Amino acid sequence: MLDVVRASLDEAQISAWRARVERVGAELGWPERRYVVRRHAGGVLLAISAPPDQLLLATEVNEWALCAALAERDPQRAANLQDALVAAAIDDADPGAELAPALLPVIEERAALARFKTLSAVEAAPKRRALIKAATDRSLPHFADDTELTLGAGLGSRTYALERLPSTGEVPWDELSDIPTALVTGSNGKTTTVRLVAACAHAHGWRPGYNCTDGVFIGDETLATGDYSGPAGARLVMRDRRTEAAILEVARGGILRRGLAVSRADVAVVTNISSDHFGEYGIDDLAGLADVKLSVAAVLAVRGRLVLNADDALLRMKARELALRYGLDSSPAWFARDWHQSYLSKYRAQGASTCGVRDGHLWLQDEDLEQDLGLVTAMPLSIGGIATYNVANLAAAALVAVSLGIPASTVGAVFARFGEKAADNPGRMMRFEFKGAHVLIDYAHNPDGLRGFLSVATQLRGKGRLGLLLGHAGNRQDSDIVELARVAAGFNPDLIVVKEDEAHLRGRAPGEIPRIIRDELLRLGLPESALPERDNELDAARYALEWARPGDVLALPLHSPNARAAVVSILQS
């Protein structure tokens, strides 16, 4: 994928780019050639497909085709573009290495094609291609990175170093198999949904493997800690031969940077779509963000199921395009907070599996069978029914779990107890009593997430005061940070400790994000005395805890695992 920033390519230039890519791809024998052009606020994204052992070469073909198309109108520009390509190739080479003249980039097409053929032969990995084809022919998944290739999944997998790949005849195909696999994506609720489904899988007798923003887990063992919601975390789960069912969190950033780590899944869910991360990788609006999340449908098995949120208007609209785009054999399953929601009722009448709340109970209809999963207010995760976003997560998780083959009775039993212990869902709607004050800890990392979090906090508030922490990761647009401050101010808090999210500066200068937040809160009329500032999450939480008195509610969005662990330790002691 090539992101042409600060550039406006016309249709003739894009056609010239595509024609050159097509000619080179045909000469190199690349099958099933596909091209994507996506315009965005900062420029144009140009993407091409290539065999798995030719991806590095594909980046060069892509760049060359663009440069040659641009030089076509301006011959004087050709020399400058060629110099730029040569300089880039030299920069990318190993230190001290000298590139042979035949391997230096050129603009002229015949010479460029000769170079590409030489590079193609160097990069070619026929064993790898043959193994992937053999796995695909046997309906087995495969996973690859820069050093290893895995055939099969979990307990039915084998992993080989790329430098020592076996021949297809040396692979014990009869010992390889797939495992039940679910993908979970969306703007909010991903980690909670992953943990719910993993708990259902465990209750069903499987050893679940799952990855999320907190790490990688196989059964009760922590394999890695940190944000592993991308392809690296998914591969750790799928390559571990103890894994009997995989529940994989699939975040937007991982999809855009590295794509999907898996080649097939039984079920995929998109929890919701809300404003977040705009301005990165050519995604500037909700429609583009929805397309990224919905790409999970591309790897669904022939009878796989896509689960969508019927309360999300954008997902309802996008669902119409999915069958055509990804060749899905079945319509999506749908969930909503209200069983009688008009769209959910319509989808159910059309034969779709659905889940929602009816008469205070969470009801599931799957293949014409209605099943009562239990009283919602008795499900700890719902906090007596007031955490409506967690009710949505429960409904989504129910559809995912039964799609994996877990009985509804098992799902209901898990929902009746999940969330009773802090360890069930660390960092997500954790509740504590501290010196007579209610303390809530959550991830709440975008405006919609914070709105849901503070809605719960205000319903627990009674006559006490409301205090909260407010900060943001650095890889957000200023407008997103301002919107977060507006959401917080809308709940009329008595205290907002403006914090530095020191673990997630992501290119911002220290103090920059707190300044934006504080300026907006002051502009909205909050008194300066209610806006203390701290340069790290732990000190911010300590200030709020010292401020609290009996009857108050503290809402603490904490994003650093270390800070969260320290605060939980204070609260539990």
Protein backbone atom coordinates (compact mmCIF):
# COMPACT_ATOMS: atom_id res chain seq x y z
CA MET A 1 0.00 0.00 0.00
CA LEU A 2 1.30 3.43 -0.97
CA ASP A 3 -0.07 6.55 0.70
CA VAL A 4 0.45 9.53 -1.60
CA VAL A 5 0.08 12.44 0.79
CA ARG A 6 -0.46 16.08 -0.06
CA ALA A 7 -1.12 15.09 -3.65
CA SER A 8 -4.07 15.26 -5.99
CA LEU A 9 -3.91 12.62 -8.70
CA ASP A 10 -6.39 12.91 -11.54
CA GLU A 11 -8.15 9.94 -13.12
CA ALA A 12 -5.75 9.83 -16.08
CA GLN A 13 -2.75 9.52 -13.76
CA ILE A 14 -4.45 6.81 -11.72
CA SER A 15 -5.34 4.93 -14.93
CA ALA A 16 -1.70 5.17 -16.03
CA TRP A 17 -0.58 3.84 -12.64
CA ARG A 18 -3.02 0.94 -12.80
CA ALA A 19 -2.03 0.03 -16.37
CA ARG A 20 1.64 -0.14 -15.45
CA VAL A 21 0.97 -2.24 -12.36
CA GLU A 22 -1.16 -4.61 -14.43
CA ARG A 23 1.51 -5.04 -17.10
CA VAL A 24 4.25 -5.74 -14.56
CA GLY A 25 2.04 -8.10 -12.55
CA ALA A 26 1.20 -10.06 -15.70
CA GLU A 27 4.87 -10.30 -16.71
CA LEU A 28 5.80 -11.52 -13.21
CA GLY A 29 3.01 -14.10 -13.23
CA TRP A 30 1.17 -12.70 -10.23
CA PRO A 31 -2.31 -14.31 -10.09
CA GLU A 32 -5.58 -12.66 -9.05
CA ARG A 33 -4.23 -9.14 -9.37
CA ARG A 34 -6.31 -6.54 -7.50
CA TYR A 35 -5.96 -2.79 -7.21
CA VAL A 36 -7.48 -0.35 -4.74
CA VAL A 37 -7.61 3.42 -5.03
CA ARG A 38 -8.94 5.31 -2.03
CA ARG A 39 -8.97 9.08 -1.85
CA HIS A 40 -8.80 10.69 1.57
CA ALA A 41 -8.39 14.13 3.10
CA GLY A 42 -4.59 14.01 2.93
CA GLY A 43 -4.08 12.42 -0.49
CA VAL A 44 -4.64 9.07 -2.17
CA LEU A 45 -4.03 5.46 -1.08
CA LEU A 46 -2.86 3.14 -3.85
CA ALA A 47 -2.80 -0.58 -3.03
CA ILE A 48 -1.99 -3.67 -5.10
CA SER A 49 -2.11 -7.37 -4.35
CA ALA A 50 0.82 -9.77 -4.75
CA PRO A 51 1.81 -13.34 -3.80
CA PRO A 52 2.92 -13.72 -0.15
CA ASP A 53 6.60 -14.05 -1.10
CA GLN A 54 6.55 -10.96 -3.34
CA LEU A 55 5.20 -8.31 -0.98
CA LEU A 56 8.45 -6.33 -0.68
CA LEU A 57 8.76 -6.28 -4.44
CA ALA A 58 5.13 -5.16 -4.69
CA THR A 59 5.95 -1.99 -2.75
CA GLU A 60 8.62 -1.13 -5.32
CA VAL A 61 6.33 -1.92 -8.25
CA ASN A 62 3.70 0.34 -6.70
CA GLU A 63 6.12 3.25 -6.22
CA TRP A 64 7.61 2.83 -9.69
CA ALA A 65 4.20 2.74 -11.39
CA LEU A 66 3.20 5.98 -9.68
CA CYS A 67 6.48 7.74 -10.48
CA ALA A 68 6.35 6.58 -14.11
CA ALA A 69 2.76 7.82 -14.42
CA LEU A 70 3.73 11.23 -13.00
CA ALA A 71 6.79 11.48 -15.23
CA GLU A 72 4.73 10.71 -18.33
CA ARG A 73 3.39 14.28 -18.48
CA ASP A 74 6.62 15.94 -17.47
CA PRO A 75 9.74 14.33 -18.97
CA GLN A 76 11.94 16.80 -17.09
CA ARG A 77 10.58 15.33 -13.89
CA ALA A 78 11.65 11.78 -14.76
CA ALA A 79 15.29 12.29 -13.78
CA ASN A 80 14.34 13.76 -10.40
CA LEU A 81 11.95 10.92 -9.68
CA GLN A 82 14.54 8.32 -10.65
CA ASP A 83 17.11 9.98 -8.39
CA ALA A 84 14.57 9.86 -5.54
CA LEU A 85 13.90 6.15 -6.12
CA VAL A 86 17.62 5.37 -6.17
CA ALA A 87 18.19 7.34 -2.96
CA ALA A 88 15.33 5.49 -1.27
CA ALA A 89 16.74 2.10 -2.38
CA ILE A 90 20.17 2.98 -1.01
CA ASP A 91 18.65 4.13 2.30
CA ASP A 92 16.73 0.86 2.60
CA ALA A 93 19.77 -1.31 1.89
CA ASP A 94 21.80 -2.87 4.69
CA PRO A 95 24.53 -0.57 6.06
CA GLY A 96 27.69 -0.90 4.00
CA ALA A 97 25.98 -2.92 1.26
CA GLU A 98 26.49 -1.90 -2.36
CA LEU A 99 23.62 -2.33 -4.79
CA ALA A 100 24.52 -3.79 -8.17
CA PRO A 101 23.74 -1.36 -11.01
CA ALA A 102 21.13 -3.80 -12.35
CA LEU A 103 19.25 -3.56 -9.07
CA LEU A 104 19.08 0.24 -8.93
CA PRO A 105 15.60 1.66 -9.64
CA VAL A 106 14.88 3.10 -13.09
CA ILE A 107 11.84 4.84 -14.56
CA GLU A 108 12.02 3.46 -18.13
CA GLU A 109 9.60 0.52 -18.28
CA ARG A 110 11.64 -2.15 -20.04
CA ALA A 111 14.62 -1.62 -17.76
CA ALA A 112 12.34 -1.50 -14.72
CA LEU A 113 10.67 -4.77 -15.72
CA ALA A 114 14.05 -6.48 -16.11
CA ARG A 115 14.96 -5.28 -12.62
CA PHE A 116 11.67 -6.50 -11.19
CA LYS A 117 12.17 -9.95 -12.70
CA THR A 118 15.59 -10.17 -11.09
CA LEU A 119 14.20 -9.12 -7.70
CA SER A 120 11.25 -11.50 -8.09
CA ALA A 121 13.62 -14.42 -8.55
CA VAL A 122 15.60 -13.34 -5.47
CA GLU A 123 12.49 -13.06 -3.30
CA ALA A 124 10.72 -16.14 -4.65
CA ALA A 125 9.86 -18.75 -2.01
CA PRO A 126 8.28 -21.66 -3.90
CA LYS A 127 8.16 -23.89 -0.80
CA ARG A 128 6.22 -21.28 1.11
CA ARG A 129 3.75 -20.79 -1.74
CA ALA A 130 3.30 -24.54 -2.12
CA LEU A 131 2.67 -25.04 1.61
CA ILE A 132 0.09 -22.23 1.75
CA LYS A 133 -1.69 -23.66 -1.29
CA ALA A 134 -1.67 -27.15 0.22
CA ALA A 135 -3.13 -25.81 3.47
CA THR A 136 -5.80 -23.85 1.60
CA ASP A 137 -6.71 -26.92 -0.48
CA ARG A 138 -7.23 -28.82 2.80
CA SER A 139 -9.34 -25.98 4.30
CA LEU A 140 -6.64 -25.37 6.90
CA PRO A 141 -5.71 -21.89 8.13
CA HIS A 142 -2.18 -20.53 7.88
CA PHE A 143 -0.34 -17.66 9.57
CA ALA A 144 2.91 -16.05 8.53
CA ASP A 145 5.20 -13.26 9.66
CA ASP A 146 8.76 -12.27 8.80
CA THR A 147 10.32 -15.39 10.34
CA GLU A 148 7.76 -18.21 10.63
CA LEU A 149 4.92 -19.97 8.84
CA THR A 150 2.19 -21.79 10.79
CA LEU A 151 -0.08 -24.40 9.24
CA GLY A 152 -3.28 -25.33 11.08
CA ALA A 153 -4.31 -23.57 14.28
CA GLY A 154 -3.85 -23.94 18.01
CA LEU A 155 -3.61 -27.55 19.16
CA GLY A 156 -3.78 -28.65 15.52
CA SER A 157 -0.90 -26.47 14.30
CA ARG A 158 2.74 -26.77 13.35
CA THR A 159 5.08 -23.78 13.04
CA TYR A 160 8.15 -23.74 10.82
CA ALA A 161 11.00 -21.26 10.41
CA LEU A 162 10.90 -19.68 6.95
CA GLU A 163 14.57 -20.58 6.50
CA ARG A 164 13.85 -24.30 7.10
CA LEU A 165 10.48 -24.98 5.53
CA PRO A 166 9.59 -28.61 4.81
CA SER A 167 8.29 -29.82 1.49
CA THR A 168 4.54 -30.45 1.27
CA GLY A 169 5.24 -34.19 1.51
CA GLU A 170 7.08 -33.76 4.82
CA VAL A 171 4.17 -32.06 6.62
CA PRO A 172 2.06 -34.32 8.89
CA TRP A 173 -1.20 -33.10 7.35
CA ASP A 174 -3.30 -35.71 9.16
CA GLU A 175 -2.22 -34.20 12.49
CA LEU A 176 -3.17 -30.65 11.51
CA SER A 177 -6.59 -29.14 12.14
CA ASP A 178 -8.47 -25.93 12.71
CA ILE A 179 -10.00 -24.68 15.97
CA PRO A 180 -13.13 -22.59 16.68
CA THR A 181 -12.10 -18.99 15.98
CA ALA A 182 -13.86 -15.68 16.63
CA LEU A 183 -12.78 -12.16 15.67
CA VAL A 184 -13.91 -9.18 17.74
CA THR A 185 -13.62 -5.61 16.49
CA GLY A 186 -15.41 -2.27 16.88
CA SER A 187 -14.78 1.10 18.51
CA ASN A 188 -15.83 0.21 22.06
CA GLY A 189 -16.49 -2.99 24.00
CA LYS A 190 -13.97 -5.20 22.22
CA THR A 191 -11.98 -6.40 25.22
CA THR A 192 -15.06 -7.00 27.37
CA THR A 193 -16.68 -9.01 24.56
CA VAL A 194 -13.48 -11.03 24.06
CA ARG A 195 -13.33 -11.89 27.77
CA LEU A 196 -17.02 -12.83 27.88
CA VAL A 197 -16.67 -15.23 24.95
CA ALA A 198 -13.45 -16.67 26.41
CA ALA A 199 -15.25 -17.31 29.70
CA CYS A 200 -18.04 -19.09 27.80
CA ALA A 201 -15.48 -21.20 25.92
CA HIS A 202 -13.81 -22.16 29.21
CA ALA A 203 -17.15 -23.13 30.75
CA HIS A 204 -17.80 -25.26 27.66
CA GLY A 205 -14.66 -27.27 28.39
CA TRP A 206 -12.29 -25.66 25.91
CA ARG A 207 -8.96 -24.06 26.79
CA PRO A 208 -9.42 -20.59 25.26
CA GLY A 209 -6.64 -18.46 23.88
CA TYR A 210 -7.31 -14.76 23.49
CA ASN A 211 -5.56 -11.48 22.84
CA CYS A 212 -6.67 -7.97 23.75
CA THR A 213 -5.39 -4.55 24.77
CA ASP A 214 -4.14 -6.05 28.05
CA GLY A 215 -2.10 -8.94 26.62
CA VAL A 216 -2.22 -12.54 25.41
CA PHE A 217 -3.77 -15.30 27.51
CA ILE A 218 -3.95 -19.09 27.15
CA GLY A 219 -6.39 -20.52 29.66
CA ASP A 220 -5.38 -19.05 33.02
CA GLU A 221 -1.82 -18.28 31.90
CA THR A 222 -0.64 -14.84 30.84
CA LEU A 223 1.58 -15.24 27.80
CA ALA A 224 2.35 -11.53 27.29
CA THR A 225 1.27 -8.19 28.77
CA GLY A 226 0.62 -4.92 26.99
CA ASP A 227 -1.49 -3.96 23.99
CA TYR A 228 -1.65 -7.10 21.86
CA SER A 229 -4.86 -6.31 19.99
CA GLY A 230 -3.10 -6.60 16.63
CA PRO A 231 -1.70 -9.38 14.43
CA ALA A 232 1.23 -10.18 16.74
CA GLY A 233 -1.14 -11.08 19.57
CA ALA A 234 -3.38 -13.12 17.27
CA ARG A 235 -0.42 -15.16 16.02
CA LEU A 236 0.73 -15.91 19.57
CA VAL A 237 -2.72 -17.32 20.31
CA MET A 238 -3.04 -19.30 17.09
CA ARG A 239 0.47 -20.76 17.29
CA ASP A 240 0.15 -22.00 20.86
CA ARG A 241 -0.64 -25.71 20.69
CA ARG A 242 -2.56 -25.52 23.96
CA THR A 243 -5.23 -23.29 22.39
CA GLU A 244 -8.51 -25.14 21.78
CA ALA A 245 -10.62 -22.08 20.86
CA ALA A 246 -9.37 -18.66 19.78
CA ILE A 247 -11.04 -15.33 20.54
CA LEU A 248 -9.06 -12.57 18.88
CA GLU A 249 -9.38 -8.84 19.42
CA VAL A 250 -8.80 -7.10 16.10
CA ALA A 251 -8.03 -3.39 16.45
CA ARG A 252 -8.19 -0.80 13.71
CA GLY A 253 -4.49 0.04 13.82
CA GLY A 254 -3.39 -3.54 13.33
CA ILE A 255 -5.70 -4.00 10.36
CA LEU A 256 -4.41 -0.86 8.66
CA ARG A 257 -0.73 -1.49 9.37
CA ARG A 258 -0.50 -5.26 8.94
CA GLY A 259 -3.88 -6.58 7.83
CA LEU A 260 -5.68 -9.52 9.40
CA ALA A 261 -3.39 -12.13 10.91
CA VAL A 262 -5.75 -15.04 10.26
CA SER A 263 -6.88 -16.58 6.98
CA ARG A 264 -10.26 -17.83 8.25
CA ALA A 265 -12.69 -17.50 11.16
CA ASP A 266 -16.01 -19.03 12.19
CA VAL A 267 -17.57 -15.81 13.44
CA ALA A 268 -16.72 -12.11 13.54
CA VAL A 269 -18.45 -9.32 15.44
CA VAL A 270 -18.37 -5.54 15.00
CA THR A 271 -19.55 -4.09 18.32
CA ASN A 272 -20.14 -0.50 17.13
CA ILE A 273 -18.59 2.35 15.15
CA SER A 274 -17.79 5.71 16.74
CA SER A 275 -15.48 8.63 16.09
CA ASP A 276 -11.89 7.74 16.96
CA HIS A 277 -8.40 7.75 15.42
CA PHE A 278 -9.35 9.97 12.48
CA GLY A 279 -6.46 11.25 10.39
CA GLU A 280 -4.42 8.03 10.51
CA TYR A 281 -3.74 5.83 7.49
CA GLY A 282 -6.20 7.71 5.30
CA ILE A 283 -9.22 7.21 7.55
CA ASP A 284 -10.99 10.54 8.04
CA ASP A 285 -14.64 9.67 8.66
CA LEU A 286 -16.99 7.10 10.15
CA ALA A 287 -17.71 5.44 6.81
CA GLY A 288 -14.01 4.77 6.26
CA LEU A 289 -13.62 3.50 9.81
CA ALA A 290 -16.59 1.15 9.32
CA ASP A 291 -14.98 -0.26 6.16
CA VAL A 292 -11.83 -1.04 8.13
CA LYS A 293 -13.71 -2.82 10.92
CA LEU A 294 -15.94 -4.73 8.50
CA SER A 295 -12.91 -6.17 6.70
CA VAL A 296 -13.11 -9.03 9.23
CA ALA A 297 -15.90 -10.42 7.03
CA ALA A 298 -13.30 -11.18 4.34
CA VAL A 299 -11.92 -14.19 6.25
CA LEU A 300 -15.18 -15.76 7.38
CA ALA A 301 -15.55 -19.43 6.51
CA VAL A 302 -18.15 -20.46 3.93
CA ARG A 303 -20.77 -20.93 6.64
CA GLY A 304 -19.26 -18.33 8.94
CA ARG A 305 -21.37 -15.74 10.71
CA LEU A 306 -21.00 -11.98 10.92
CA VAL A 307 -22.54 -10.37 14.03
CA LEU A 308 -23.53 -6.69 13.87
CA ASN A 309 -25.08 -4.03 16.10
CA ALA A 310 -28.63 -3.14 15.00
CA ASP A 311 -28.50 0.03 17.15
CA ASP A 312 -25.71 1.36 14.89
CA ALA A 313 -27.20 3.11 11.84
CA LEU A 314 -23.93 3.02 9.91
CA LEU A 315 -23.53 -0.73 10.37
CA ARG A 316 -27.11 -1.24 9.22
CA MET A 317 -26.38 0.72 6.07
CA LYS A 318 -23.05 -0.97 5.38
CA ALA A 319 -24.53 -4.45 5.85
CA ARG A 320 -26.27 -4.12 2.50
CA GLU A 321 -22.92 -4.05 0.71
CA LEU A 322 -21.26 -6.92 2.57
CA ALA A 323 -22.77 -9.93 0.82
CA LEU A 324 -21.69 -8.59 -2.57
CA ARG A 325 -18.25 -7.46 -1.41
CA TYR A 326 -17.24 -10.58 0.52
CA GLY A 327 -19.47 -13.26 -0.98
CA LEU A 328 -21.18 -14.15 2.29
CA ASP A 329 -23.58 -17.07 2.10
CA SER A 330 -25.75 -15.95 5.00
CA SER A 331 -27.15 -12.70 6.32
CA PRO A 332 -25.64 -11.20 9.49
CA ALA A 333 -26.83 -11.96 12.99
CA TRP A 334 -27.93 -8.84 14.87
CA PHE A 335 -28.03 -7.63 18.47
CA ALA A 336 -29.56 -4.58 20.13
CA ARG A 337 -30.33 -3.44 23.64
CA ASP A 338 -34.08 -3.73 23.01
CA TRP A 339 -35.60 -6.95 21.64
CA HIS A 340 -38.44 -4.90 20.12
CA GLN A 341 -36.16 -2.39 18.37
CA SER A 342 -37.70 -1.93 14.92
CA TYR A 343 -34.67 -3.03 12.89
CA LEU A 344 -33.96 -5.99 15.14
CA SER A 345 -37.56 -7.11 14.73
CA LYS A 346 -37.31 -6.73 10.96
CA TYR A 347 -34.10 -8.76 10.74
CA ARG A 348 -35.59 -11.45 12.97
CA ALA A 349 -38.66 -11.66 10.72
CA GLN A 350 -36.28 -12.16 7.78
CA GLY A 351 -34.75 -15.19 9.51
CA ALA A 352 -31.68 -13.64 11.11
CA SER A 353 -30.42 -14.75 14.52
CA THR A 354 -30.89 -11.97 17.06
CA CYS A 355 -30.30 -11.08 20.70
CA GLY A 356 -31.77 -8.31 22.87
CA VAL A 357 -33.59 -7.46 26.09
CA ARG A 358 -37.29 -8.36 26.44
CA ASP A 359 -39.23 -7.90 29.68
CA GLY A 360 -35.99 -7.49 31.60
CA HIS A 361 -34.43 -10.72 30.31
CA LEU A 362 -31.75 -11.20 27.66
CA TRP A 363 -33.31 -13.28 24.90
CA LEU A 364 -31.53 -15.10 22.12
CA GLN A 365 -33.16 -16.38 18.96
CA ASP A 366 -30.96 -18.69 16.94
CA GLU A 367 -32.24 -20.94 14.13
CA ASP A 368 -35.90 -20.44 15.17
CA LEU A 369 -35.21 -21.38 18.78
CA GLU A 370 -35.83 -18.68 21.42
CA GLN A 371 -33.82 -18.99 24.63
CA ASP A 372 -33.86 -16.95 27.83
CA LEU A 373 -30.31 -16.17 28.93
CA GLY A 374 -31.38 -14.69 32.25
CA LEU A 375 -32.49 -11.58 34.08
CA VAL A 376 -30.31 -8.67 32.95
CA THR A 377 -30.27 -6.91 36.33
CA ALA A 378 -28.86 -10.12 37.85
CA MET A 379 -25.93 -10.13 35.44
CA PRO A 380 -23.04 -8.44 37.32
CA LEU A 381 -21.65 -6.82 34.19
CA SER A 382 -24.85 -4.80 33.74
CA ILE A 383 -24.56 -3.18 37.21
CA GLY A 384 -28.24 -3.69 37.87
CA GLY A 385 -29.09 -2.88 34.26
CA ILE A 386 -27.72 0.69 34.26
CA ALA A 387 -24.56 -0.15 32.25
CA THR A 388 -26.48 -0.32 28.97
CA TYR A 389 -23.32 -0.52 26.87
CA ASN A 390 -22.37 -3.68 28.75
CA VAL A 391 -25.84 -5.05 28.04
CA ALA A 392 -24.98 -4.58 24.35
CA ASN A 393 -21.66 -6.36 24.93
CA LEU A 394 -23.48 -9.26 26.58
CA ALA A 395 -25.86 -9.57 23.61
CA ALA A 396 -22.97 -9.48 21.14
CA ALA A 397 -21.00 -12.06 23.10
CA ALA A 398 -24.03 -14.38 23.28
CA LEU A 399 -24.35 -14.49 19.49
CA VAL A 400 -20.60 -15.04 19.07
CA ALA A 401 -20.54 -17.84 21.63
CA VAL A 402 -23.45 -19.81 20.17
CA SER A 403 -21.96 -19.32 16.70
CA LEU A 404 -18.87 -21.17 17.96
CA GLY A 405 -21.05 -24.04 19.11
CA ILE A 406 -21.36 -23.18 22.81
CA PRO A 407 -24.83 -24.04 24.21
CA ALA A 408 -27.05 -21.13 25.21
CA SER A 409 -27.49 -22.66 28.67
CA THR A 410 -23.72 -22.39 29.20
CA VAL A 411 -23.74 -18.78 27.99
CA GLY A 412 -26.52 -17.85 30.42
CA ALA A 413 -24.71 -19.49 33.34
CA VAL A 414 -21.53 -17.54 32.56
CA PHE A 415 -23.40 -14.22 32.23
CA ALA A 416 -24.97 -14.81 35.67
CA ARG A 417 -21.55 -14.66 37.35
CA PHE A 418 -19.12 -12.86 35.00
CA GLY A 419 -18.10 -9.56 36.56
CA GLU A 420 -18.52 -10.59 40.18
CA LYS A 421 -14.74 -10.57 40.59
CA ALA A 422 -12.41 -7.76 39.55
CA ALA A 423 -10.20 -10.32 37.82
CA ASP A 424 -13.03 -11.21 35.41
CA ASN A 425 -12.67 -7.98 33.43
CA PRO A 426 -9.67 -5.96 34.67
CA GLY A 427 -9.64 -2.32 33.65
CA ARG A 428 -13.27 -2.38 32.47
CA MET A 429 -16.00 -1.08 34.78
CA MET A 430 -14.21 -2.20 37.93
CA ARG A 431 -16.07 -1.12 41.09
CA PHE A 432 -14.67 -0.39 44.53
CA GLU A 433 -15.70 1.26 47.79
CA PHE A 434 -13.08 3.63 49.18
CA LYS A 435 -13.71 5.55 52.40
CA GLY A 436 -17.43 5.60 51.66
CA ALA A 437 -17.02 6.74 48.05
CA HIS A 438 -17.88 4.71 44.95
CA VAL A 439 -14.83 4.31 42.69
CA LEU A 440 -15.14 3.11 39.10
CA ILE A 441 -12.22 2.22 36.82
CA ASP A 442 -12.68 1.87 33.08
CA TYR A 443 -10.77 2.18 29.80
CA ALA A 444 -13.16 4.81 28.28
CA HIS A 445 -10.73 5.95 25.59
CA ASN A 446 -12.98 7.96 23.25
CA PRO A 447 -16.02 10.28 23.53
CA ASP A 448 -18.64 7.51 23.19
CA GLY A 449 -16.82 5.30 25.68
CA LEU A 450 -16.54 8.15 28.18
CA ARG A 451 -20.21 9.02 27.71
CA GLY A 452 -21.24 5.47 28.58
CA PHE A 453 -18.89 5.35 31.55
CA LEU A 454 -20.08 8.65 33.02
CA SER A 455 -23.72 7.69 32.48
CA VAL A 456 -23.18 4.83 34.92
CA ALA A 457 -21.27 7.05 37.34
CA THR A 458 -24.05 9.67 37.47
CA GLN A 459 -26.69 7.02 38.18
CA LEU A 460 -24.63 5.86 41.17
CA ARG A 461 -24.04 9.43 42.31
CA GLY A 462 -27.08 10.12 44.48
CA LYS A 463 -26.50 13.35 46.39
CA GLY A 464 -22.71 13.04 46.39
CA ARG A 465 -20.17 14.76 44.18
CA LEU A 466 -18.74 13.51 40.89
CA GLY A 467 -15.02 13.51 40.24
CA LEU A 468 -13.10 12.12 37.30
CA LEU A 469 -9.77 11.92 35.55
CA LEU A 470 -9.41 13.15 31.99
CA GLY A 471 -6.58 12.61 29.52
CA HIS A 472 -6.02 11.23 26.06
CA ALA A 473 -3.50 9.38 23.93
CA GLY A 474 -1.47 11.57 21.61
CA ASN A 475 -2.45 9.96 18.30
CA ARG A 476 -5.78 11.77 18.07
CA GLN A 477 -6.79 14.94 16.29
CA ASP A 478 -7.19 18.07 18.41
CA SER A 479 -10.91 18.01 17.62
CA ASP A 480 -11.23 14.52 19.15
CA ILE A 481 -9.53 15.71 22.34
CA VAL A 482 -11.79 18.75 22.53
CA GLU A 483 -14.86 16.54 22.07
CA LEU A 484 -13.72 14.35 24.98
CA ALA A 485 -13.57 17.45 27.18
CA ARG A 486 -17.05 18.49 26.05
CA VAL A 487 -18.49 15.09 26.92
CA ALA A 488 -16.94 15.27 30.39
CA ALA A 489 -18.22 18.80 31.01
CA GLY A 490 -21.73 17.73 29.98
CA PHE A 491 -22.03 15.58 33.12
CA ASN A 492 -21.43 18.60 35.44
CA PRO A 493 -18.57 17.09 37.46
CA ASP A 494 -17.35 18.74 40.63
CA LEU A 495 -13.74 17.79 39.90
CA ILE A 496 -11.78 16.92 36.75
CA VAL A 497 -8.16 15.98 37.35
CA VAL A 498 -6.54 16.72 33.99
CA LYS A 499 -3.90 14.05 33.53
CA GLU A 500 -1.02 13.30 31.22
CA ASP A 501 -1.41 9.85 29.65
CA GLU A 502 2.35 9.47 29.92
CA ALA A 503 2.43 5.96 28.47
CA HIS A 504 0.71 7.05 25.25
CA LEU A 505 2.22 10.39 24.20
CA ARG A 506 2.60 9.02 20.64
CA GLY A 507 4.38 12.01 19.16
CA ARG A 508 2.90 14.75 21.34
CA ALA A 509 5.01 16.92 23.59
CA PRO A 510 4.52 16.43 27.34
CA GLY A 511 1.78 18.78 28.55
CA GLU A 512 0.27 19.31 25.09
CA ILE A 513 -2.82 17.12 25.53
CA PRO A 514 -3.60 18.36 29.09
CA ARG A 515 -3.39 21.95 27.81
CA ILE A 516 -5.94 21.29 25.05
CA ILE A 517 -8.31 19.60 27.52
CA ARG A 518 -7.94 22.25 30.20
CA ASP A 519 -8.40 25.15 27.78
CA GLU A 520 -11.64 23.66 26.47
CA LEU A 521 -12.98 22.97 29.97
CA LEU A 522 -12.23 26.56 31.02
CA ARG A 523 -13.91 27.83 27.85
CA LEU A 524 -16.99 25.78 28.78
CA GLY A 525 -17.16 27.55 32.13
CA LEU A 526 -15.65 25.08 34.60
CA PRO A 527 -13.83 26.89 37.41
CA GLU A 528 -10.06 26.68 37.44
CA SER A 529 -10.18 25.41 41.03
CA ALA A 530 -11.99 22.27 39.80
CA LEU A 531 -9.28 21.48 37.24
CA PRO A 532 -6.06 20.40 38.96
CA GLU A 533 -3.43 18.97 36.63
CA ARG A 534 -1.07 16.03 37.17
CA ASP A 535 1.70 14.79 34.89
CA ASN A 536 0.95 11.07 35.27
CA GLU A 537 -2.04 8.80 35.76
CA LEU A 538 -1.09 7.49 39.19
CA ASP A 539 -0.67 10.94 40.76
CA ALA A 540 -3.94 12.04 39.14
CA ALA A 541 -5.76 9.08 40.71
CA ARG A 542 -4.17 9.75 44.10
CA TYR A 543 -5.37 13.36 44.00
CA ALA A 544 -8.94 12.23 43.24
CA LEU A 545 -8.89 9.63 46.02
CA GLU A 546 -7.69 12.21 48.55
CA TRP A 547 -10.43 14.60 47.40
CA ALA A 548 -13.25 12.05 47.72
CA ARG A 549 -15.56 11.85 50.73
CA PRO A 550 -18.43 9.47 51.63
CA GLY A 551 -21.20 9.45 49.03
CA ASP A 552 -19.01 10.73 46.18
CA VAL A 553 -18.47 8.90 42.93
CA LEU A 554 -15.05 8.81 41.25
CA ALA A 555 -14.81 7.81 37.57
CA LEU A 556 -11.22 6.92 36.79
CA PRO A 557 -10.40 6.19 33.14
CA LEU A 558 -6.97 4.54 33.38
CA HIS A 559 -5.02 3.45 30.32
CA SER A 560 -1.59 2.45 31.62
CA PRO A 561 -1.59 -1.13 33.01
CA ASN A 562 1.03 -0.11 35.56
CA ALA A 563 -0.98 2.86 36.81
CA ARG A 564 -4.14 0.79 36.93
CA ALA A 565 -2.44 -1.96 38.92
CA ALA A 566 -1.09 0.59 41.41
CA VAL A 567 -4.51 2.24 41.86
CA VAL A 568 -6.25 -1.14 42.29
CA SER A 569 -3.66 -2.04 44.92
CA ILE A 570 -4.46 1.17 46.82
CA LEU A 571 -8.20 0.49 46.62
CA GLN A 572 -7.94 -3.15 47.68
CA SER A 573 -5.70 -2.34 50.62
